[in-house]
Structures are given as structure tokens and as C-alpha cells.
């Protein structure tokens, strides 16, 4: 089967899969940074995307405009001899019919791109069947999430985004080692981690927080549960699955780039109260203006303490500097 890589939660994997193409969520490594001539001034994640080796089985890449860094990456990759690149325009405003129509138009444009790569436009019934399968898998993940350590839950969700339902071995079932770790830290301070995307290996941050006496109960990173779509309404899906797909993704996913982005704060406040969260860890890359700019407002609006963790290029989440700051933060919370 033809496969295509994507990096944005606003790109529905159901739409790709319904065209007969396998969606692959890309997770570049921190050691894949592009030479300084190209990556100067970009965040570590964008630099890693520029330098990553695109798998031979991928027929193309889908990037999104929700981040200016990704706009730059798309422009560089389009001028290279690598795979075809599709730049998905995600409207920054969300509360108007015009913005929603633009998003739907981008889905249709992406569909034509997928057809050019060898895909086949789906019928409404085919799209609805794919949406039903993906929703069932997400519901299984959500049901298992409270019983799975954060690192394992994050990894299994990326697997689901990458390979789809039925393709992940042991999906949604905590391992014996995972259950032991979860039991060991069940009395730790409940934490939320929010921020942008993770590079491969960055999930070690969850282990670091747990080792310091925390318990990550909310993964608000770009690849985490913050960016899961809303549950599909079965009745609306039976009438117009395409419209329901757009509703679940564009109308419900909250992100820092949106204007206004008060939905992000409402979502975070709701989750903090519901999950008894005692502290928020904002994990951001250096040169990420969006998350950096929100730090003051996050601290002012939050009912719990907020820790700012910046990550530079080739920086391991478990470095001594980060470990010291995490330990001090948890010491204050306990």
C-alpha cells in the first residue's frame, strides 16, 4: 500500500486512509538536524524535519501552516529532490463559516493530491467505515489511558496515528512493567504536560517527571490527547461523513496558534479540575514563539503552578539541567 507522512493533528488520518493510502505520523529524531546553513533560526523540531531521512516507502509528505517554522520547512523541501510535499492551510481563525469552508476546501485539495499519488477518491460509505474504525480505536485508547504510564500511552497514541486501527500490537493494553510503574507512582503529584510536538526519545521527559515524584495524567503535547478529534456523531456521519470529519477536527481540536485561542485555556482549566492536576509543565522548543508568548498568560490564568521547560537542539529531556528544574518544581508541589 502507498504511504504518506504527515505531521499535523489537523490532517485527519481517516481522510488519507479512505483514499487507500496509509497515513504515517512522522516522529523525527533530534540527531537529524539539518546543517546550520538551512536550519539557522528554526526550532529543533523544524531542523530535525529538514534533516530527516524520508522512508523509501513514503510517496509524499503533508505539512501544515499552523506553525511558521513548518511553512519554511515546506518551502525548503519543495525545492529539493525529495518527496512531493503538500502544504495544508489550517485557518488560524476558527469561529467563522468562511474559516470552516476553507478547511473543508483544503481537505478536498488534499484528496486530489492523494489521488495523484495513486489513491482513489472514497465514496461516503467508504469514508464512514474508515471513520468508524478509527473512532473505535481511539475510544479503546481513551479507556486504557488512566491505567497506562504516560510514556507508554504517548507511544501507543503515536502508533495509532501512524498505523491506524488494527495495526498496533497490544494496543491499549498496559504491559506488566507499565502496570508496576503506574502502581509505584500512583501517589505522585498529578501533572499536565503541554506544548508542541515531541522528537523521538523526548517521551523520556515523562519518566523524568515520574522519577521526581510526579504522575503525568494529561498529555497535552501536539501528538497527545489534546489534539484528538471529538467523537463522531453516528447519525450525522451517516448523512454526511465528510462534514462530520471536518467538524470533529477543525471545530474541536484546540491549539496555541488559533486566534482567539481562549478555547485552549478553557480546555486546560477543565482538565485541571477534572483530573486533580497539581502542576503544569510547559515543554517548548527554543525559537518557538507561539508557546513562548503564551507563558505569561498561562501563569496568570492557571490555578496551579506552571513550569517552563525549554528544549534546545540535540537536548535530551533527561539532562541534568532539566532534571534539576523538575526536581525543584516537584519539591515545591509536594
Protein backbone atom coordinates (compact mmCIF):
# COMPACT_ATOMS: atom_id res chain seq x y z
CA UNK A 1 0.00 0.00 0.00
CA UNK A 2 1.16 3.53 -0.79
CA UNK A 3 2.02 5.50 2.37
CA UNK A 4 2.30 9.21 3.09
CA UNK A 5 3.88 11.01 6.05
CA UNK A 6 2.11 13.77 7.98
CA UNK A 7 2.96 15.95 10.97
CA UNK A 8 -0.19 17.85 11.92
CA UNK A 9 -3.12 16.67 14.06
CA UNK A 10 -5.39 18.80 11.85
CA UNK A 11 -4.75 16.38 8.98
CA UNK A 12 -7.25 13.54 9.55
CA UNK A 13 -5.65 10.12 9.04
CA UNK A 14 -9.14 8.83 8.23
CA UNK A 15 -9.21 11.02 5.11
CA UNK A 16 -5.85 9.66 3.96
CA UNK A 17 -6.75 6.04 4.72
CA UNK A 18 -10.12 6.35 2.97
CA UNK A 19 -8.20 7.12 -0.24
CA UNK A 20 -6.41 3.78 0.03
CA UNK A 21 -3.16 5.36 1.28
CA UNK A 22 -1.57 4.53 4.61
CA UNK A 23 -1.06 7.56 6.91
CA UNK A 24 2.26 7.66 8.79
CA UNK A 25 2.72 10.11 11.67
CA UNK A 26 6.33 11.28 11.43
CA UNK A 27 8.48 11.50 14.55
CA UNK A 28 11.96 12.71 13.56
CA UNK A 29 14.98 12.19 15.78
CA UNK A 30 16.88 15.01 17.47
CA UNK A 31 20.14 13.91 15.80
CA UNK A 32 18.66 14.52 12.34
CA UNK A 33 19.16 18.29 12.35
CA UNK A 34 19.89 19.96 9.02
CA UNK A 35 23.22 21.77 8.50
CA UNK A 36 23.32 25.22 10.09
CA UNK A 37 23.06 26.97 6.71
CA UNK A 38 19.50 25.70 6.37
CA UNK A 39 18.32 25.34 9.97
CA UNK A 40 19.67 28.57 11.47
CA UNK A 41 16.91 30.25 13.41
CA UNK A 42 14.46 27.36 13.24
CA UNK A 43 13.34 25.39 16.25
CA UNK A 44 14.94 21.99 16.94
CA UNK A 45 11.86 20.18 15.71
CA UNK A 46 11.81 22.01 12.38
CA UNK A 47 15.53 21.41 11.99
CA UNK A 48 15.02 17.69 12.59
CA UNK A 49 12.24 17.58 9.99
CA UNK A 50 14.55 19.26 7.48
CA UNK A 51 17.26 16.71 8.14
CA UNK A 52 15.22 13.55 8.49
CA UNK A 53 15.63 10.65 6.13
CA UNK A 54 12.27 10.13 4.47
CA UNK A 55 11.42 6.43 4.33
CA UNK A 56 11.56 4.96 0.85
CA UNK A 57 8.01 3.63 1.12
CA UNK A 58 6.57 7.13 1.64
CA UNK A 59 5.20 8.67 -1.53
CA UNK A 60 4.89 12.18 -0.13
CA UNK A 61 4.68 14.46 2.91
CA UNK A 62 1.88 16.59 4.32
CA UNK A 63 2.86 19.64 6.40
CA UNK A 64 0.58 22.29 7.85
CA UNK A 65 0.62 26.09 8.15
CA UNK A 66 -0.26 26.07 11.85
CA UNK A 67 3.41 26.85 12.50
CA UNK A 68 5.57 29.34 10.58
CA UNK A 69 8.53 27.03 11.05
CA UNK A 70 6.70 24.33 9.09
CA UNK A 71 5.96 26.82 6.32
CA UNK A 72 9.70 27.33 5.98
CA UNK A 73 10.35 23.59 6.08
CA UNK A 74 7.77 23.01 3.35
CA UNK A 75 9.36 25.69 1.15
CA UNK A 76 12.81 24.13 1.54
CA UNK A 77 11.60 20.59 0.91
CA UNK A 78 9.60 21.64 -2.15
CA UNK A 79 12.81 22.96 -3.72
CA UNK A 80 14.71 19.76 -3.00
CA UNK A 81 14.65 16.49 -4.90
CA UNK A 82 12.83 14.69 -2.11
CA UNK A 83 9.23 13.50 -1.97
CA UNK A 84 6.26 15.61 -3.12
CA UNK A 85 5.13 17.99 -0.36
CA UNK A 86 1.58 19.13 0.32
CA UNK A 87 1.20 22.26 2.48
CA UNK A 88 -2.17 22.08 4.26
CA UNK A 89 -3.54 25.53 5.07
CA UNK A 90 -5.12 25.43 8.52
CA UNK A 91 -7.02 28.67 9.23
CA UNK A 92 -5.81 30.44 12.37
CA UNK A 93 -9.32 31.75 12.98
CA UNK A 94 -11.95 29.14 13.69
CA UNK A 95 -15.23 30.80 14.67
CA UNK A 96 -16.48 31.79 11.19
CA UNK A 97 -18.17 29.85 8.41
CA UNK A 98 -15.55 31.18 5.98
CA UNK A 99 -12.73 29.59 8.00
CA UNK A 100 -14.56 26.28 8.16
CA UNK A 101 -15.21 26.30 4.43
CA UNK A 102 -11.52 26.99 3.86
CA UNK A 103 -10.62 23.98 5.98
CA UNK A 104 -13.06 21.78 4.04
CA UNK A 105 -11.61 23.09 0.80
CA UNK A 106 -8.14 22.10 1.97
CA UNK A 107 -9.37 18.58 2.72
CA UNK A 108 -10.73 18.38 -0.81
CA UNK A 109 -7.46 19.71 -2.23
CA UNK A 110 -5.55 17.14 -0.17
CA UNK A 111 -7.84 14.47 -1.62
CA UNK A 112 -6.85 15.46 -5.14
CA UNK A 113 -3.18 15.30 -4.11
CA UNK A 114 -3.71 11.79 -2.75
CA UNK A 115 -5.38 10.72 -5.99
CA UNK A 116 -2.34 11.98 -7.93
CA UNK A 117 -0.17 9.78 -5.70
CA UNK A 118 -2.21 6.73 -6.64
CA UNK A 119 -5.13 6.94 -4.23
CA UNK A 120 -8.81 6.60 -5.09
CA UNK A 121 -11.46 9.09 -4.00
CA UNK A 122 -13.70 7.35 -1.43
CA UNK A 123 -17.46 7.07 -1.51
CA UNK A 124 -19.32 8.45 1.52
CA UNK A 125 -19.92 4.90 2.73
CA UNK A 126 -16.22 4.02 2.47
CA UNK A 127 -15.24 7.18 4.36
CA UNK A 128 -17.79 6.47 7.10
CA UNK A 129 -16.46 2.91 7.52
CA UNK A 130 -12.89 4.18 7.96
CA UNK A 131 -14.03 6.85 10.41
CA UNK A 132 -15.89 4.23 12.44
CA UNK A 133 -12.79 2.02 12.70
CA UNK A 134 -10.55 4.90 13.79
CA UNK A 135 -13.08 6.11 16.33
CA UNK A 136 -13.33 2.67 17.89
CA UNK A 137 -9.54 2.51 18.24
CA UNK A 138 -9.38 5.96 19.84
CA UNK A 139 -12.12 5.01 22.30
CA UNK A 140 -10.11 1.93 23.29
CA UNK A 141 -7.07 4.14 23.85
CA UNK A 142 -9.02 6.62 25.97
CA UNK A 143 -10.45 3.80 28.09
CA UNK A 144 -6.98 2.36 28.71
CA UNK A 145 -5.19 5.68 29.25
CA UNK A 146 -5.79 6.02 33.05
CA UNK A 147 -4.18 2.61 33.59
CA UNK A 148 -1.10 3.14 31.41
CA UNK A 149 2.04 5.14 32.31
CA UNK A 150 2.39 8.36 30.32
CA UNK A 151 5.35 7.24 28.23
CA UNK A 152 3.60 4.06 27.12
CA UNK A 153 0.33 5.90 26.45
CA UNK A 154 2.11 8.56 24.37
CA UNK A 155 3.91 5.95 22.32
CA UNK A 156 0.77 3.91 21.69
CA UNK A 157 -1.13 7.01 20.57
CA UNK A 158 1.62 7.86 18.07
CA UNK A 159 1.41 4.28 16.84
CA UNK A 160 -2.32 4.70 16.35
CA UNK A 161 -1.84 7.98 14.48
CA UNK A 162 0.80 6.31 12.33
CA UNK A 163 -0.58 2.87 11.55
CA UNK A 164 -4.27 3.10 12.25
CA UNK A 165 -6.64 0.67 13.99
CA UNK A 166 -5.74 -2.98 13.97
CA UNK A 167 -2.07 -2.33 13.18
CA UNK A 168 -0.64 -1.87 16.69
CA UNK A 169 0.34 -4.97 18.62
CA UNK A 170 -1.02 -4.96 22.16
CA UNK A 171 -2.70 -1.61 21.56
CA UNK A 172 -4.40 -0.21 24.63
CA UNK A 173 -3.15 -2.93 26.97
CA UNK A 174 -0.62 -1.90 29.62
CA UNK A 175 2.39 -4.17 29.95
CA UNK A 176 3.30 -5.82 33.25
CA UNK A 177 6.23 -3.42 33.64
CA UNK A 178 3.95 -0.50 32.86
CA UNK A 179 1.43 -1.55 35.49
CA UNK A 180 4.20 -1.80 38.09
CA UNK A 181 5.42 1.70 37.26
CA UNK A 182 1.89 3.06 37.38
CA UNK A 183 1.31 1.48 40.79
CA UNK A 184 4.63 2.80 42.07
CA UNK A 185 3.81 6.41 41.17
CA UNK A 186 0.06 6.37 41.75
CA UNK A 187 0.52 8.68 44.76
CA UNK A 188 2.68 11.20 42.91
CA UNK A 189 1.65 14.76 42.14
CA UNK A 190 -0.76 14.79 39.20
CA UNK A 191 0.80 16.74 36.33
CA UNK A 192 -0.14 18.01 32.89
CA UNK A 193 2.44 18.30 30.13
CA UNK A 194 1.51 20.72 27.36
CA UNK A 195 3.36 22.10 24.38
CA UNK A 196 4.33 21.32 20.81
CA UNK A 197 5.40 18.09 19.13
CA UNK A 198 7.93 15.64 20.52
CA UNK A 199 11.00 14.36 18.76
CA UNK A 200 11.72 10.63 19.03
CA UNK A 201 13.03 10.00 22.54
CA UNK A 202 11.53 13.15 24.08
CA UNK A 203 8.98 10.99 25.87
CA UNK A 204 11.80 10.34 28.37
CA UNK A 205 10.50 13.54 29.97
CA UNK A 206 7.58 11.52 31.34
CA UNK A 207 9.98 9.14 33.06
CA UNK A 208 11.90 12.08 34.49
CA UNK A 209 8.75 13.62 35.94
CA UNK A 210 7.68 10.31 37.46
CA UNK A 211 11.11 9.69 38.96
CA UNK A 212 10.93 13.10 40.65
CA UNK A 213 7.60 12.26 42.29
CA UNK A 214 5.13 13.32 39.62
CA UNK A 215 2.43 11.45 37.74
CA UNK A 216 1.57 12.67 34.24
CA UNK A 217 -2.20 12.34 33.90
CA UNK A 218 -2.61 14.67 30.92
CA UNK A 219 -0.51 14.62 27.76
CA UNK A 220 -1.21 17.95 26.11
CA UNK A 221 1.64 17.78 23.61
CA UNK A 222 0.90 18.11 19.91
CA UNK A 223 0.90 14.34 19.47
CA UNK A 224 -1.00 13.72 22.70
CA UNK A 225 -4.64 13.67 23.70
CA UNK A 226 -5.05 17.46 23.45
CA UNK A 227 -5.21 17.10 19.69
CA UNK A 228 -7.55 14.14 19.46
CA UNK A 229 -10.69 14.94 17.45
CA UNK A 230 -14.12 14.94 19.00
CA UNK A 231 -16.12 11.73 18.90
CA UNK A 232 -18.02 11.34 15.66
CA UNK A 233 -21.78 11.60 15.83
CA UNK A 234 -23.04 8.39 14.23
CA UNK A 235 -26.25 9.97 12.93
CA UNK A 236 -24.51 12.92 11.31
CA UNK A 237 -21.82 10.62 9.96
CA UNK A 238 -24.48 8.52 8.24
CA UNK A 239 -25.82 11.64 6.49
CA UNK A 240 -22.56 13.42 5.58
CA UNK A 241 -19.33 11.77 6.80
CA UNK A 242 -17.12 14.43 5.20
CA UNK A 243 -18.84 17.25 7.09
CA UNK A 244 -18.69 15.27 10.33
CA UNK A 245 -14.96 14.67 9.79
CA UNK A 246 -14.37 18.41 9.42
CA UNK A 247 -16.49 19.11 12.50
CA UNK A 248 -14.57 16.66 14.69
CA UNK A 249 -11.18 18.01 13.69
CA UNK A 250 -11.45 21.69 12.84
CA UNK A 251 -14.23 22.63 15.24
CA UNK A 252 -12.91 20.78 18.29
CA UNK A 253 -9.09 20.47 18.34
CA UNK A 254 -7.57 23.31 20.39
CA UNK A 255 -4.12 24.72 19.71
CA UNK A 256 -1.91 27.63 20.66
CA UNK A 257 -1.80 29.11 17.14
CA UNK A 258 -5.56 29.70 16.94
CA UNK A 259 -6.90 33.23 17.21
CA UNK A 260 -8.58 33.69 19.52
CA UNK A 261 -7.16 30.76 21.47
CA UNK A 262 -9.31 31.03 24.59
CA UNK A 263 -10.61 27.51 23.89
CA UNK A 264 -7.14 26.19 24.76
CA UNK A 265 -7.34 27.82 28.19
CA UNK A 266 -10.91 26.67 28.76
CA UNK A 267 -9.91 23.10 27.86
CA UNK A 268 -6.87 23.22 30.15
CA UNK A 269 -8.82 24.64 33.10
CA UNK A 270 -11.50 21.98 32.65
CA UNK A 271 -8.93 19.16 32.56
CA UNK A 272 -7.00 20.53 35.55
CA UNK A 273 -10.16 20.45 37.65
CA UNK A 274 -11.42 17.09 36.36
CA UNK A 275 -8.12 15.26 36.86
CA UNK A 276 -6.99 16.91 40.07
CA UNK A 277 -3.85 18.26 38.43
CA UNK A 278 -1.40 19.97 40.79
CA UNK A 279 1.09 21.40 38.29
CA UNK A 280 1.53 22.16 34.60
CA UNK A 281 4.76 21.58 32.69
CA UNK A 282 5.06 23.65 29.51
CA UNK A 283 7.56 21.87 27.29
CA UNK A 284 8.59 24.15 24.42
CA UNK A 285 11.40 24.36 21.90
CA UNK A 286 13.73 27.31 21.75
CA UNK A 287 12.63 29.66 18.95
CA UNK A 288 9.03 28.50 19.30
CA UNK A 289 7.44 31.94 19.51
CA UNK A 290 3.90 30.64 19.91
CA UNK A 291 4.35 28.71 23.15
CA UNK A 292 6.91 31.18 24.49
CA UNK A 293 4.47 34.04 24.02
CA UNK A 294 1.74 32.22 25.95
CA UNK A 295 3.78 31.52 29.08
CA UNK A 296 2.80 34.71 30.91
CA UNK A 297 -0.89 34.19 30.20
CA UNK A 298 -0.65 30.54 31.20
CA UNK A 299 0.82 31.50 34.56
CA UNK A 300 -1.70 34.30 35.10
CA UNK A 301 -4.73 32.19 34.22
CA UNK A 302 -3.73 28.89 35.80
CA UNK A 303 -4.95 27.83 39.22
CA UNK A 304 -1.83 25.66 39.69
CA UNK A 305 1.92 26.18 39.37
CA UNK A 306 3.47 26.28 35.88
CA UNK A 307 6.99 25.12 34.98
CA UNK A 308 8.62 26.37 31.78
CA UNK A 309 10.93 23.75 30.24
CA UNK A 310 12.76 24.92 27.13
CA UNK A 311 14.47 22.41 24.87
CA UNK A 312 17.39 23.27 22.61
CA UNK A 313 18.85 21.36 19.66
CA UNK A 314 20.13 17.86 20.44
CA UNK A 315 18.95 18.24 24.02
CA UNK A 316 17.95 15.09 25.87
CA UNK A 317 14.91 15.54 28.11
CA UNK A 318 16.82 13.82 30.94
CA UNK A 319 19.83 16.17 31.02
CA UNK A 320 20.97 17.29 34.44
CA UNK A 321 19.77 20.87 33.90
CA UNK A 322 16.26 19.75 33.15
CA UNK A 323 16.34 17.15 35.93
CA UNK A 324 17.32 19.77 38.49
CA UNK A 325 14.50 22.10 37.48
CA UNK A 326 11.95 19.28 37.51
CA UNK A 327 13.06 18.09 40.95
CA UNK A 328 12.83 21.62 42.36
CA UNK A 329 9.35 22.06 40.85
CA UNK A 330 8.05 18.80 42.31
CA UNK A 331 9.63 19.58 45.68
CA UNK A 332 7.57 22.77 45.88
CA UNK A 333 4.37 20.95 44.89
CA UNK A 334 4.68 18.11 47.38
